[in-house]
Amino acid sequence: MIPFALAKIGHQYVLFGIAAVICLVTFVTLILSPALSGAGRLWEKTAAGLLSLFVLAALIVGGVVIGLVVVKYWPEIHEFIT
């Protein structure tokens, strides 16, 4: 039986949550792990981790901007596609 709190969550939120987890796993696997393994000292690993967070922030901002552009120009995009 599904817990009562989870029963009220819409399927869109579950899909967004799954997508967020997949994106975080991909970020950790492809960006954070190589950055941390390439550094030797603790302060180097800390700096690499912080710089990786800047990369994550840039990717998030880029995704939001692309999403907003698609939402704003959706009628033109839809007309171009069809």
Protein backbone atom coordinates (compact mmCIF):
# COMPACT_ATOMS: atom_id res chain seq x y z
CA MET A 1 0.00 0.00 0.00
CA ILE A 2 1.28 3.45 -0.89
CA PRO A 3 1.76 5.72 2.13
CA PHE A 4 -0.99 8.32 2.41
CA ALA A 5 1.37 11.28 1.89
CA LEU A 6 2.62 9.84 -1.39
CA ALA A 7 -0.89 9.10 -2.65
CA LYS A 8 -1.59 12.82 -3.16
CA ILE A 9 1.51 13.49 -5.27
CA GLY A 10 0.74 13.86 -8.95
CA HIS A 11 2.55 11.75 -11.49
CA GLN A 12 4.24 14.83 -12.97
CA TYR A 13 6.05 15.49 -9.70
CA VAL A 14 7.19 11.90 -9.52
CA LEU A 15 8.56 12.13 -13.06
CA PHE A 16 10.29 15.44 -12.31
CA GLY A 17 11.81 13.91 -9.19
CA ILE A 18 13.10 10.92 -11.14
CA ALA A 19 14.55 13.24 -13.79
CA ALA A 20 16.25 15.32 -11.09
CA VAL A 21 17.82 12.22 -9.53
CA ILE A 22 19.05 11.05 -12.94
CA CYS A 23 20.56 14.48 -13.61
CA LEU A 24 22.30 14.57 -10.23
CA VAL A 25 23.72 11.08 -10.69
CA THR A 26 24.97 12.09 -14.13
CA PHE A 27 26.54 15.26 -12.71
CA VAL A 28 28.30 13.35 -9.95
CA THR A 29 29.48 10.65 -12.34
CA LEU A 30 30.66 12.81 -15.23
CA ILE A 31 31.77 16.06 -13.57
CA LEU A 32 32.27 15.80 -9.81
CA SER A 33 34.05 12.45 -9.56
CA PRO A 34 36.75 13.21 -12.16
CA ALA A 35 37.30 16.65 -10.63
CA LEU A 36 37.78 15.21 -7.15
CA SER A 37 39.93 12.30 -8.27
CA GLY A 38 42.24 14.62 -10.18
CA ALA A 39 43.13 16.57 -7.05
CA GLY A 40 45.55 15.37 -4.41
CA ARG A 41 45.29 17.53 -1.32
CA LEU A 42 42.21 18.30 0.69
CA TRP A 43 42.13 21.98 -0.25
CA GLU A 44 42.48 21.03 -3.93
CA LYS A 45 39.56 18.62 -3.63
CA THR A 46 37.53 21.33 -1.90
CA ALA A 47 38.32 23.84 -4.63
CA ALA A 48 37.48 21.29 -7.33
CA GLY A 49 34.18 20.53 -5.61
CA LEU A 50 33.28 24.21 -5.39
CA LEU A 51 34.16 24.78 -9.03
CA SER A 52 32.05 21.77 -9.94
CA LEU A 53 29.14 23.38 -8.13
CA PHE A 54 29.64 26.46 -10.32
CA VAL A 55 29.45 24.19 -13.36
CA LEU A 56 26.23 22.68 -11.99
CA ALA A 57 24.78 26.15 -11.44
CA ALA A 58 25.70 27.16 -14.99
CA LEU A 59 24.02 24.04 -16.37
CA ILE A 60 20.88 24.74 -14.36
CA VAL A 61 20.76 28.38 -15.50
CA GLY A 62 21.31 27.31 -19.10
CA GLY A 63 18.50 24.78 -18.88
CA VAL A 64 16.13 27.32 -17.38
CA VAL A 65 16.96 29.87 -20.08
CA ILE A 66 16.45 27.33 -22.86
CA GLY A 67 13.17 26.24 -21.27
CA LEU A 68 11.93 29.83 -21.03
CA VAL A 69 12.86 30.49 -24.66
CA VAL A 70 10.94 27.40 -25.75
CA VAL A 71 7.90 28.45 -23.71
CA LYS A 72 8.01 32.01 -25.06
CA TYR A 73 8.40 31.03 -28.71
CA TRP A 74 6.32 27.83 -28.65
CA PRO A 75 3.74 29.03 -31.22
CA GLU A 76 6.51 29.81 -33.72
CA ILE A 77 8.28 26.53 -32.96
CA HIS A 78 5.07 24.58 -33.36
CA GLU A 79 4.30 26.34 -36.64
CA PHE A 80 7.82 25.61 -37.90
CA ILE A 81 7.59 21.94 -36.97
CA THR A 82 4.19 21.33 -38.54
